[in-house]
Every structure is written in structure tokens, then in C-alpha cells.
PDB file of N, CA and C in Angstrom:
ATOM      1  N   MET A   1     -75.493  26.013  78.253  1.00  0.00           N
ATOM      2  CA  MET A   1     -76.432  25.117  78.892  1.00  0.00           C
ATOM      3  C   MET A   1     -77.777  25.847  79.012  1.00  0.00           C
ATOM      4  N   ASN A   2     -78.843  25.238  78.491  1.00  0.00           N
ATOM      5  CA  ASN A   2     -80.147  25.889  78.569  1.00  0.00           C
ATOM      6  C   ASN A   2     -80.751  25.704  79.964  1.00  0.00           C
ATOM      7  N   LEU A   3     -81.882  26.330  80.195  1.00  0.00           N
ATOM      8  CA  LEU A   3     -82.498  26.325  81.513  1.00  0.00           C
ATOM      9  C   LEU A   3     -82.818  24.910  81.989  1.00  0.00           C
ATOM     10  N   THR A   4     -83.412  24.093  81.142  1.00  0.00           N
ATOM     11  CA  THR A   4     -83.760  22.728  81.548  1.00  0.00           C
ATOM     12  C   THR A   4     -82.508  21.933  81.891  1.00  0.00           C
ATOM     13  N   GLU A   5     -81.442  22.103  81.145  1.00  0.00           N
ATOM     14  CA  GLU A   5     -80.191  21.408  81.456  1.00  0.00           C
ATOM     15  C   GLU A   5     -79.645  21.851  82.803  1.00  0.00           C
ATOM     16  N   GLN A   6     -79.774  23.136  83.105  1.00  0.00           N
ATOM     17  CA  GLN A   6     -79.324  23.641  84.403  1.00  0.00           C
ATOM     18  C   GLN A   6     -80.186  23.074  85.530  1.00  0.00           C
ATOM     19  N   VAL A   7     -81.497  23.000  85.312  1.00  0.00           N
ATOM     20  CA  VAL A   7     -82.390  22.406  86.304  1.00  0.00           C
ATOM     21  C   VAL A   7     -81.995  20.951  86.534  1.00  0.00           C
ATOM     22  N   LEU A   8     -81.703  20.230  85.467  1.00  0.00           N
ATOM     23  CA  LEU A   8     -81.286  18.830  85.601  1.00  0.00           C
ATOM     24  C   LEU A   8     -79.986  18.699  86.392  1.00  0.00           C
ATOM     25  N   HIS A   9     -79.079  19.629  86.177  1.00  0.00           N
ATOM     26  CA  HIS A   9     -77.818  19.624  86.910  1.00  0.00           C
ATOM     27  C   HIS A   9     -78.073  19.795  88.417  1.00  0.00           C
ATOM     28  N   VAL A  10     -78.931  20.750  88.767  1.00  0.00           N
ATOM     29  CA  VAL A  10     -79.273  20.975  90.172  1.00  0.00           C
ATOM     30  C   VAL A  10     -80.018  19.764  90.732  1.00  0.00           C
ATOM     31  N   LEU A  11     -80.946  19.227  89.962  1.00  0.00           N
ATOM     32  CA  LEU A  11     -81.708  18.048  90.373  1.00  0.00           C
ATOM     33  C   LEU A  11     -80.775  16.873  90.657  1.00  0.00           C
ATOM     34  N   ASP A  12     -79.835  16.650  89.773  1.00  0.00           N
ATOM     35  CA  ASP A  12     -78.891  15.545  89.927  1.00  0.00           C
ATOM     36  C   ASP A  12     -78.094  15.695  91.217  1.00  0.00           C
ATOM     37  N   GLY A  13     -77.647  16.899  91.487  1.00  0.00           N
ATOM     38  CA  GLY A  13     -76.865  17.137  92.696  1.00  0.00           C
ATOM     39  C   GLY A  13     -77.697  17.036  93.959  1.00  0.00           C
ATOM     40  N   ALA A  14     -78.882  17.632  93.954  1.00  0.00           N
ATOM     41  CA  ALA A  14     -79.732  17.655  95.148  1.00  0.00           C
ATOM     42  C   ALA A  14     -80.212  16.262  95.531  1.00  0.00           C
ATOM     43  N   LEU A  15     -80.470  15.432  94.531  1.00  0.00           N
ATOM     44  CA  LEU A  15     -80.986  14.085  94.798  1.00  0.00           C
ATOM     45  C   LEU A  15     -79.899  13.017  94.775  1.00  0.00           C
ATOM     46  N   HIS A  16     -78.653  13.442  94.550  1.00  0.00           N
ATOM     47  CA  HIS A  16     -77.522  12.508  94.506  1.00  0.00           C
ATOM     48  C   HIS A  16     -77.772  11.394  93.485  1.00  0.00           C
ATOM     49  N   LEU A  17     -78.132  11.800  92.263  1.00  0.00           N
ATOM     50  CA  LEU A  17     -78.474  10.837  91.217  1.00  0.00           C
ATOM     51  C   LEU A  17     -77.253  10.324  90.453  1.00  0.00           C
ATOM     52  N   GLN A  18     -76.087  10.851  90.743  1.00  0.00           N
ATOM     53  CA  GLN A  18     -74.827  10.404  90.153  1.00  0.00           C
ATOM     54  C   GLN A  18     -74.856  10.385  88.623  1.00  0.00           C
ATOM     55  N   GLY A  19     -75.395  11.457  88.045  1.00  0.00           N
ATOM     56  CA  GLY A  19     -75.399  11.607  86.591  1.00  0.00           C
ATOM     57  C   GLY A  19     -76.618  11.059  85.887  1.00  0.00           C
ATOM     58  N   ARG A  20     -77.513  10.389  86.599  1.00  0.00           N
ATOM     59  CA  ARG A  20     -78.704   9.809  85.956  1.00  0.00           C
ATOM     60  C   ARG A  20     -79.601  10.860  85.329  1.00  0.00           C
ATOM     61  N   ALA A  21     -79.617  12.062  85.893  1.00  0.00           N
ATOM     62  CA  ALA A  21     -80.508  13.105  85.377  1.00  0.00           C
ATOM     63  C   ALA A  21     -80.102  13.564  83.976  1.00  0.00           C
ATOM     64  N   ALA A  22     -78.897  13.273  83.555  1.00  0.00           N
ATOM     65  CA  ALA A  22     -78.445  13.686  82.228  1.00  0.00           C
ATOM     66  C   ALA A  22     -79.302  13.087  81.116  1.00  0.00           C
ATOM     67  N   SER A  23     -79.926  11.961  81.379  1.00  0.00           N
ATOM     68  CA  SER A  23     -80.761  11.319  80.357  1.00  0.00           C
ATOM     69  C   SER A  23     -82.232  11.732  80.454  1.00  0.00           C
ATOM     70  N   PHE A  24     -82.580  12.563  81.428  1.00  0.00           N
ATOM     71  CA  PHE A  24     -83.964  12.995  81.598  1.00  0.00           C
ATOM     72  C   PHE A  24     -84.340  14.020  80.537  1.00  0.00           C
ATOM     73  N   THR A  25     -85.615  14.060  80.179  1.00  0.00           N
ATOM     74  CA  THR A  25     -86.161  15.071  79.268  1.00  0.00           C
ATOM     75  C   THR A  25     -87.221  15.865  80.021  1.00  0.00           C
ATOM     76  N   ARG A  26     -87.794  16.857  79.363  1.00  0.00           N
ATOM     77  CA  ARG A  26     -88.859  17.653  79.988  1.00  0.00           C
ATOM     78  C   ARG A  26     -90.051  16.781  80.390  1.00  0.00           C
ATOM     79  N   GLU A  27     -90.244  15.670  79.713  1.00  0.00           N
ATOM     80  CA  GLU A  27     -91.387  14.801  79.970  1.00  0.00           C
ATOM     81  C   GLU A  27     -91.120  13.773  81.077  1.00  0.00           C
ATOM     82  N   THR A  28     -89.902  13.695  81.557  1.00  0.00           N
ATOM     83  CA  THR A  28     -89.560  12.698  82.578  1.00  0.00           C
ATOM     84  C   THR A  28     -90.339  12.974  83.862  1.00  0.00           C
ATOM     85  N   PRO A  29     -91.088  11.979  84.343  1.00  0.00           N
ATOM     86  CA  PRO A  29     -91.830  12.164  85.597  1.00  0.00           C
ATOM     87  C   PRO A  29     -90.874  12.195  86.788  1.00  0.00           C
ATOM     88  N   LEU A  30     -91.231  12.998  87.788  1.00  0.00           N
ATOM     89  CA  LEU A  30     -90.401  13.112  88.986  1.00  0.00           C
ATOM     90  C   LEU A  30     -91.120  12.577  90.218  1.00  0.00           C
ATOM     91  N   LEU A  31     -92.099  13.318  90.701  1.00  0.00           N
ATOM     92  CA  LEU A  31     -92.789  12.955  91.937  1.00  0.00           C
ATOM     93  C   LEU A  31     -93.504  11.623  91.763  1.00  0.00           C
ATOM     94  N   GLY A  32     -93.162  10.668  92.594  1.00  0.00           N
ATOM     95  CA  GLY A  32     -93.735   9.329  92.508  1.00  0.00           C
ATOM     96  C   GLY A  32     -92.932   8.394  91.628  1.00  0.00           C
ATOM     97  N   ALA A  33     -92.083   8.945  90.775  1.00  0.00           N
ATOM     98  CA  ALA A  33     -91.272   8.109  89.886  1.00  0.00           C
ATOM     99  C   ALA A  33     -89.828   7.982  90.369  1.00  0.00           C
ATOM    100  N   LEU A  34     -89.379   8.963  91.126  1.00  0.00           N
ATOM    101  CA  LEU A  34     -88.021   8.928  91.669  1.00  0.00           C
ATOM    102  C   LEU A  34     -88.097   8.721  93.174  1.00  0.00           C
ATOM    103  N   PRO A  35     -87.676   7.566  93.655  1.00  0.00           N
ATOM    104  CA  PRO A  35     -87.738   7.338  95.099  1.00  0.00           C
ATOM    105  C   PRO A  35     -86.877   8.319  95.893  1.00  0.00           C
ATOM    106  N   GLU A  36     -85.875   8.890  95.243  1.00  0.00           N
ATOM    107  CA  GLU A  36     -85.001   9.859  95.911  1.00  0.00           C
ATOM    108  C   GLU A  36     -85.723  11.175  96.218  1.00  0.00           C
ATOM    109  N   LEU A  37     -86.828  11.437  95.529  1.00  0.00           N
ATOM    110  CA  LEU A  37     -87.534  12.709  95.696  1.00  0.00           C
ATOM    111  C   LEU A  37     -88.545  12.595  96.838  1.00  0.00           C
ATOM    112  N   ASP A  38     -88.011  12.639  98.066  1.00  0.00           N
ATOM    113  CA  ASP A  38     -88.864  12.626  99.248  1.00  0.00           C
ATOM    114  C   ASP A  38     -88.984  14.050  99.788  1.00  0.00           C
ATOM    115  N   SER A  39     -89.643  14.217 100.918  1.00  0.00           N
ATOM    116  CA  SER A  39     -89.899  15.564 101.429  1.00  0.00           C
ATOM    117  C   SER A  39     -88.614  16.328 101.739  1.00  0.00           C
ATOM    118  N   MET A  40     -87.615  15.668 102.258  1.00  0.00           N
ATOM    119  CA  MET A  40     -86.344  16.345 102.542  1.00  0.00           C
ATOM    120  C   MET A  40     -85.627  16.715 101.249  1.00  0.00           C
ATOM    121  N   ALA A  41     -85.721  15.854 100.247  1.00  0.00           N
ATOM    122  CA  ALA A  41     -85.080  16.135  98.968  1.00  0.00           C
ATOM    123  C   ALA A  41     -85.761  17.310  98.267  1.00  0.00           C
ATOM    124  N   VAL A  42     -87.070  17.447  98.451  1.00  0.00           N
ATOM    125  CA  VAL A  42     -87.783  18.588  97.868  1.00  0.00           C
ATOM    126  C   VAL A  42     -87.200  19.885  98.412  1.00  0.00           C
ATOM    127  N   LEU A  43     -86.964  19.936  99.708  1.00  0.00           N
ATOM    128  CA  LEU A  43     -86.377  21.136 100.309  1.00  0.00           C
ATOM    129  C   LEU A  43     -84.975  21.399  99.762  1.00  0.00           C
ATOM    130  N   ALA A  44     -84.171  20.366  99.663  1.00  0.00           N
ATOM    131  CA  ALA A  44     -82.822  20.516  99.122  1.00  0.00           C
ATOM    132  C   ALA A  44     -82.866  20.972  97.671  1.00  0.00           C
ATOM    133  N   LEU A  45     -83.790  20.429  96.915  1.00  0.00           N
ATOM    134  CA  LEU A  45     -83.931  20.799  95.505  1.00  0.00           C
ATOM    135  C   LEU A  45     -84.347  22.256  95.358  1.00  0.00           C
ATOM    136  N   LEU A  46     -85.345  22.679  96.119  1.00  0.00           N
ATOM    137  CA  LEU A  46     -85.792  24.072  96.042  1.00  0.00           C
ATOM    138  C   LEU A  46     -84.679  25.036  96.442  1.00  0.00           C
ATOM    139  N   THR A  47     -83.961  24.701  97.491  1.00  0.00           N
ATOM    140  CA  THR A  47     -82.842  25.545  97.924  1.00  0.00           C
ATOM    141  C   THR A  47     -81.762  25.591  96.848  1.00  0.00           C
ATOM    142  N   GLY A  48     -81.463  24.450  96.274  1.00  0.00           N
ATOM    143  CA  GLY A  48     -80.466  24.405  95.203  1.00  0.00           C
ATOM    144  C   GLY A  48     -80.868  25.234  93.998  1.00  0.00           C
ATOM    145  N   LEU A  49     -82.145  25.163  93.614  1.00  0.00           N
ATOM    146  CA  LEU A  49     -82.629  25.947  92.477  1.00  0.00           C
ATOM    147  C   LEU A  49     -82.584  27.437  92.794  1.00  0.00           C
ATOM    148  N   GLU A  50     -82.989  27.804  94.005  1.00  0.00           N
ATOM    149  CA  GLU A  50     -82.947  29.217  94.385  1.00  0.00           C
ATOM    150  C   GLU A  50     -81.521  29.747  94.358  1.00  0.00           C
ATOM    151  N   ASN A  51     -80.595  28.987  94.884  1.00  0.00           N
ATOM    152  CA  ASN A  51     -79.189  29.412  94.900  1.00  0.00           C
ATOM    153  C   ASN A  51     -78.593  29.466  93.501  1.00  0.00           C
ATOM    154  N   HIS A  52     -78.860  28.458  92.705  1.00  0.00           N
ATOM    155  CA  HIS A  52     -78.275  28.390  91.359  1.00  0.00           C
ATOM    156  C   HIS A  52     -78.785  29.515  90.464  1.00  0.00           C
ATOM    157  N   PHE A  53     -80.083  29.767  90.513  1.00  0.00           N
ATOM    158  CA  PHE A  53     -80.682  30.741  89.603  1.00  0.00           C
ATOM    159  C   PHE A  53     -80.857  32.124  90.222  1.00  0.00           C
ATOM    160  N   GLY A  54     -80.580  32.264  91.515  1.00  0.00           N
ATOM    161  CA  GLY A  54     -80.726  33.560  92.163  1.00  0.00           C
ATOM    162  C   GLY A  54     -82.175  34.020  92.239  1.00  0.00           C
ATOM    163  N   VAL A  55     -83.077  33.071  92.462  1.00  0.00           N
ATOM    164  CA  VAL A  55     -84.505  33.375  92.544  1.00  0.00           C
ATOM    165  C   VAL A  55     -85.015  32.944  93.917  1.00  0.00           C
ATOM    166  N   THR A  56     -86.242  33.342  94.212  1.00  0.00           N
ATOM    167  CA  THR A  56     -86.925  32.838  95.396  1.00  0.00           C
ATOM    168  C   THR A  56     -88.309  32.375  94.968  1.00  0.00           C
ATOM    169  N   PHE A  57     -88.781  31.353  95.636  1.00  0.00           N
ATOM    170  CA  PHE A  57     -90.115  30.826  95.357  1.00  0.00           C
ATOM    171  C   PHE A  57     -91.015  31.173  96.531  1.00  0.00           C
ATOM    172  N   SER A  58     -92.211  31.612  96.226  1.00  0.00           N
ATOM    173  CA  SER A  58     -93.171  31.881  97.293  1.00  0.00           C
ATOM    174  C   SER A  58     -93.902  30.591  97.641  1.00  0.00           C
ATOM    175  N   ASP A  59     -94.438  30.554  98.848  1.00  0.00           N
ATOM    176  CA  ASP A  59     -95.140  29.354  99.312  1.00  0.00           C
ATOM    177  C   ASP A  59     -96.293  28.968  98.396  1.00  0.00           C
ATOM    178  N   ASP A  60     -96.987  29.966  97.839  1.00  0.00           N
ATOM    179  CA  ASP A  60     -98.146  29.647  97.001  1.00  0.00           C
ATOM    180  C   ASP A  60     -97.755  29.080  95.639  1.00  0.00           C
ATOM    181  N   GLU A  61     -96.484  29.165  95.259  1.00  0.00           N
ATOM    182  CA  GLU A  61     -96.011  28.576  94.003  1.00  0.00           C
ATOM    183  C   GLU A  61     -95.675  27.092  94.149  1.00  0.00           C
ATOM    184  N   ILE A  62     -95.456  26.656  95.369  1.00  0.00           N
ATOM    185  CA  ILE A  62     -94.962  25.310  95.609  1.00  0.00           C
ATOM    186  C   ILE A  62     -96.127  24.374  95.928  1.00  0.00           C
ATOM    187  N   HIS A  63     -96.370  23.450  95.016  1.00  0.00           N
ATOM    188  CA  HIS A  63     -97.404  22.428  95.194  1.00  0.00           C
ATOM    189  C   HIS A  63     -96.980  21.196  94.407  1.00  0.00           C
ATOM    190  N   GLY A  64     -97.649  20.102  94.617  1.00  0.00           N
ATOM    191  CA  GLY A  64     -97.264  18.827  94.028  1.00  0.00           C
ATOM    192  C   GLY A  64     -97.090  18.841  92.521  1.00  0.00           C
ATOM    193  N   SER A  65     -97.947  19.570  91.821  1.00  0.00           N
ATOM    194  CA  SER A  65     -97.876  19.559  90.355  1.00  0.00           C
ATOM    195  C   SER A  65     -96.578  20.164  89.819  1.00  0.00           C
ATOM    196  N   VAL A  66     -95.927  21.008  90.607  1.00  0.00           N
ATOM    197  CA  VAL A  66     -94.640  21.591  90.207  1.00  0.00           C
ATOM    198  C   VAL A  66     -93.593  20.499  90.022  1.00  0.00           C
ATOM    199  N   PHE A  67     -93.727  19.425  90.802  1.00  0.00           N
ATOM    200  CA  PHE A  67     -92.747  18.340  90.772  1.00  0.00           C
ATOM    201  C   PHE A  67     -93.207  17.155  89.928  1.00  0.00           C
ATOM    202  N   ALA A  68     -94.212  17.361  89.098  1.00  0.00           N
ATOM    203  CA  ALA A  68     -94.745  16.277  88.272  1.00  0.00           C
ATOM    204  C   ALA A  68     -93.719  15.800  87.239  1.00  0.00           C
ATOM    205  N   THR A  69     -93.092  16.741  86.559  1.00  0.00           N
ATOM    206  CA  THR A  69     -92.124  16.407  85.510  1.00  0.00           C
ATOM    207  C   THR A  69     -90.956  17.386  85.549  1.00  0.00           C
ATOM    208  N   VAL A  70     -89.914  17.058  84.817  1.00  0.00           N
ATOM    209  CA  VAL A  70     -88.789  17.981  84.669  1.00  0.00           C
ATOM    210  C   VAL A  70     -89.288  19.289  84.046  1.00  0.00           C
ATOM    211  N   GLY A  71     -90.188  19.189  83.095  1.00  0.00           N
ATOM    212  CA  GLY A  71     -90.714  20.378  82.431  1.00  0.00           C
ATOM    213  C   GLY A  71     -91.480  21.290  83.371  1.00  0.00           C
ATOM    214  N   SER A  72     -92.309  20.717  84.244  1.00  0.00           N
ATOM    215  CA  SER A  72     -93.067  21.557  85.175  1.00  0.00           C
ATOM    216  C   SER A  72     -92.135  22.226  86.183  1.00  0.00           C
ATOM    217  N   LEU A  73     -91.080  21.554  86.571  1.00  0.00           N
ATOM    218  CA  LEU A  73     -90.096  22.145  87.473  1.00  0.00           C
ATOM    219  C   LEU A  73     -89.324  23.258  86.759  1.00  0.00           C
ATOM    220  N   SER A  74     -88.961  23.029  85.512  1.00  0.00           N
ATOM    221  CA  SER A  74     -88.271  24.049  84.721  1.00  0.00           C
ATOM    222  C   SER A  74     -89.164  25.269  84.516  1.00  0.00           C
ATOM    223  N   ASP A  75     -90.455  25.037  84.304  1.00  0.00           N
ATOM    224  CA  ASP A  75     -91.394  26.143  84.130  1.00  0.00           C
ATOM    225  C   ASP A  75     -91.473  27.001  85.386  1.00  0.00           C
ATOM    226  N   LEU A  76     -91.432  26.371  86.557  1.00  0.00           N
ATOM    227  CA  LEU A  76     -91.429  27.114  87.814  1.00  0.00           C
ATOM    228  C   LEU A  76     -90.231  28.054  87.881  1.00  0.00           C
ATOM    229  N   VAL A  77     -89.065  27.548  87.522  1.00  0.00           N
ATOM    230  CA  VAL A  77     -87.846  28.360  87.544  1.00  0.00           C
ATOM    231  C   VAL A  77     -87.950  29.487  86.531  1.00  0.00           C
ATOM    232  N   GLU A  78     -88.435  29.172  85.338  1.00  0.00           N
ATOM    233  CA  GLU A  78     -88.566  30.190  84.291  1.00  0.00           C
ATOM    234  C   GLU A  78     -89.503  31.313  84.733  1.00  0.00           C
ATOM    235  N   GLN A  79     -90.605  30.964  85.352  1.00  0.00           N
ATOM    236  CA  GLN A  79     -91.562  31.975  85.838  1.00  0.00           C
ATOM    237  C   GLN A  79     -90.938  32.834  86.944  1.00  0.00           C
ATOM    238  N   ALA A  80     -90.186  32.207  87.841  1.00  0.00           N
ATOM    239  CA  ALA A  80     -89.530  32.960  88.919  1.00  0.00           C
ATOM    240  C   ALA A  80     -88.497  33.915  88.357  1.00  0.00           C
ATOM    241  N   ARG A  81     -87.750  33.472  87.362  1.00  0.00           N
ATOM    242  CA  ARG A  81     -86.747  34.345  86.744  1.00  0.00           C
ATOM    243  C   ARG A  81     -87.407  35.516  86.038  1.00  0.00           C
ATOM    244  N   ALA A  82     -88.484  35.264  85.338  1.00  0.00           N
ATOM    245  CA  ALA A  82     -89.202  36.338  84.636  1.00  0.00           C
ATOM    246  C   ALA A  82     -89.776  37.346  85.621  1.00  0.00           C
ATOM    247  N   ARG A  83     -90.329  36.850  86.711  1.00  0.00           N
ATOM    248  CA  ARG A  83     -90.931  37.726  87.720  1.00  0.00           C
ATOM    249  C   ARG A  83     -89.865  38.621  88.359  1.00  0.00           C
ATOM    250  N   GLN A  84     -88.712  38.077  88.615  1.00  0.00           N
ATOM    251  CA  GLN A  84     -87.657  38.847  89.267  1.00  0.00           C
ATOM    252  C   GLN A  84     -86.932  39.784  88.306  1.00  0.00           C
ATOM    253  N   ALA A  85     -87.086  39.540  87.011  1.00  0.00           N
ATOM    254  CA  ALA A  85     -86.450  40.407  86.022  1.00  0.00           C
ATOM    255  C   ALA A  85     -87.215  41.718  85.837  1.00  0.00           C
ATOM    256  N   THR A  86     -88.469  41.727  86.275  1.00  0.00           N
ATOM    257  CA  THR A  86     -89.278  42.948  86.105  1.00  0.00           C
ATOM    258  C   THR A  86     -89.225  43.833  87.308  1.00  0.00           C
TER     259      THR A  86
END
């Protein structure tokens, strides 16, 4: 499973999408397009991503554009993994 697929798996679980995320691509819009993605779901999603990937996100990394698409969310995880690998 590649990184984006893993992000989709966490997204599906955190937002209780019941498998809908399986059809999402990197271009799929999130914030404003998924009613399930509210402020509480953002916290659950970030916690789920941190736990799944063993990373931490700093406050300055978290802003609205991170949640624009599946790709932007995957990029956040990829950057966190790279930063922690060094």
C-alpha cells in the first residue's frame, strides 16, 4: 500500500466514510467538499495520521490548504516522514 492509499485508509476511518475513500484520488477535494470533515474530524484525522505513520505535526504546518485535497494531505505526511527520518 503506497502512502496515499494509507492516508486514504486513515481518512476513511477517522471520518467514518465506510469505504467511500477507496475511490478518492490525489485530486479529490476534501475541505468544503466532505461534510464529515468538520473541526472535530480534523483533530481525529491528524491524530490518526500521527499514530499510523509515527510522525508529529507542528502547529505551523497545519493550515486550511493542507486539507484542500487528498494530495495536499498526503504531501503533509510525506514531509513529516522525511523530516523525522533525518
